[in-house]
Amino acid sequence: MEQNADNLKEVGFTNEDLVHKKFLNLRYEGTDTSIMIDHMVAGQGKTLEQCYEEAFHIAHQLEFGFNFDKRPILIDNIRVRSIGSKTTIHPV
């Protein structure tokens, strides 16, 4: 995240202008296709791992029409998308 922030600051953004979004690319062991799952927050009596697992099962079912209930879920990679947004107002 720091490298993303530094790159955006070089073109004029400040820390207040930045939003960082985190994603996990998950897949079932023995498969080739990963699904990008947006950052989860643990809550409602569930652990963070349970939240990601549930979101992955839902996304996989929607994408492929089935799930592998007994296969482990692997993390292929973690991604961070940084967005700089700034509103400039010019006086009239």
Protein backbone atom coordinates (compact mmCIF):
# COMPACT_ATOMS: atom_id res chain seq x y z
CA MET A 1 0.00 0.00 0.00
CA GLU A 2 2.84 2.38 0.80
CA GLN A 3 4.33 2.05 -2.68
CA ASN A 4 0.93 2.75 -4.24
CA ALA A 5 0.49 5.79 -1.99
CA ASP A 6 3.97 7.07 -2.83
CA ASN A 7 3.27 6.74 -6.57
CA LEU A 8 -0.01 8.65 -6.26
CA LYS A 9 1.59 11.34 -4.10
CA GLU A 10 4.17 11.92 -6.86
CA VAL A 11 1.35 13.07 -9.15
CA GLY A 12 -0.25 15.39 -6.62
CA PHE A 13 -2.51 13.36 -4.34
CA THR A 14 -2.33 13.55 -0.55
CA ASN A 15 -3.09 10.81 2.00
CA GLU A 16 -6.57 12.29 2.46
CA ASP A 17 -7.24 11.82 -1.29
CA LEU A 18 -6.45 8.09 -1.24
CA VAL A 19 -8.58 5.01 -0.76
CA HIS A 20 -6.99 1.54 -0.67
CA LYS A 21 -9.05 -1.54 -1.55
CA LYS A 22 -7.77 -5.00 -0.66
CA PHE A 23 -8.59 -8.22 -2.49
CA LEU A 24 -7.73 -11.91 -2.16
CA ASN A 25 -7.57 -14.13 -5.24
CA LEU A 26 -8.88 -17.48 -4.03
CA ARG A 27 -9.26 -20.85 -5.72
CA TYR A 28 -9.96 -24.46 -4.84
CA GLU A 29 -6.92 -26.70 -4.52
CA GLY A 30 -6.45 -28.60 -7.79
CA THR A 31 -8.09 -25.92 -9.95
CA ASP A 32 -6.56 -23.21 -12.14
CA THR A 33 -9.11 -20.41 -11.89
CA SER A 34 -9.05 -17.96 -9.02
CA ILE A 35 -11.82 -15.57 -8.05
CA MET A 36 -11.10 -12.10 -6.71
CA ILE A 37 -12.86 -11.52 -3.40
CA ASP A 38 -13.17 -8.01 -1.99
CA HIS A 39 -11.78 -7.29 1.47
CA MET A 40 -13.93 -8.79 4.20
CA VAL A 41 -14.53 -7.65 7.76
CA ALA A 42 -15.15 -10.24 10.45
CA GLY A 43 -18.43 -9.86 12.22
CA GLN A 44 -21.73 -11.41 13.20
CA GLY A 45 -19.96 -14.18 15.12
CA LYS A 46 -17.76 -15.20 12.18
CA THR A 47 -14.01 -15.14 11.83
CA LEU A 48 -12.33 -13.36 8.93
CA GLU A 49 -11.46 -16.74 7.42
CA GLN A 50 -15.12 -17.84 7.59
CA CYS A 51 -16.24 -14.62 5.90
CA TYR A 52 -13.80 -15.09 3.01
CA GLU A 53 -14.73 -18.76 2.68
CA GLU A 54 -18.44 -17.97 2.53
CA ALA A 55 -17.93 -15.17 -0.02
CA PHE A 56 -15.76 -17.46 -2.16
CA HIS A 57 -18.34 -20.28 -2.11
CA ILE A 58 -21.07 -17.85 -3.17
CA ALA A 59 -18.96 -16.36 -5.98
CA HIS A 60 -17.84 -19.80 -7.20
CA GLN A 61 -21.43 -21.08 -7.24
CA LEU A 62 -22.55 -18.05 -9.24
CA GLU A 63 -19.64 -18.32 -11.70
CA PHE A 64 -19.46 -22.09 -12.22
CA GLY A 65 -22.73 -23.50 -10.86
CA PHE A 66 -21.13 -25.79 -8.26
CA ASN A 67 -18.72 -25.93 -5.32
CA PHE A 68 -16.14 -28.41 -4.04
CA ASP A 69 -17.25 -28.66 -0.43
CA LYS A 70 -14.34 -30.85 0.74
CA ARG A 71 -11.46 -29.13 -1.11
CA PRO A 72 -9.23 -26.62 0.64
CA ILE A 73 -9.34 -23.02 -0.58
CA LEU A 74 -5.97 -21.53 -1.52
CA ILE A 75 -4.87 -17.90 -1.62
CA ASP A 76 -3.18 -17.24 -4.98
CA ASN A 77 -2.28 -13.64 -4.18
CA ILE A 78 -3.27 -10.52 -2.34
CA ARG A 79 -3.93 -7.34 -4.31
CA VAL A 80 -4.23 -3.75 -3.27
CA ARG A 81 -5.93 -1.23 -5.54
CA SER A 82 -5.24 2.37 -4.61
CA ILE A 83 -7.50 5.13 -5.86
CA GLY A 84 -6.70 8.82 -5.78
CA SER A 85 -9.67 11.16 -5.98
CA LYS A 86 -9.51 14.92 -5.78
CA THR A 87 -12.05 17.64 -6.38
CA THR A 88 -10.69 20.97 -7.51
CA ILE A 89 -12.95 23.98 -7.43
CA HIS A 90 -12.04 26.97 -9.55
CA PRO A 91 -13.50 30.32 -8.40
CA VAL A 92 -15.73 32.08 -10.93
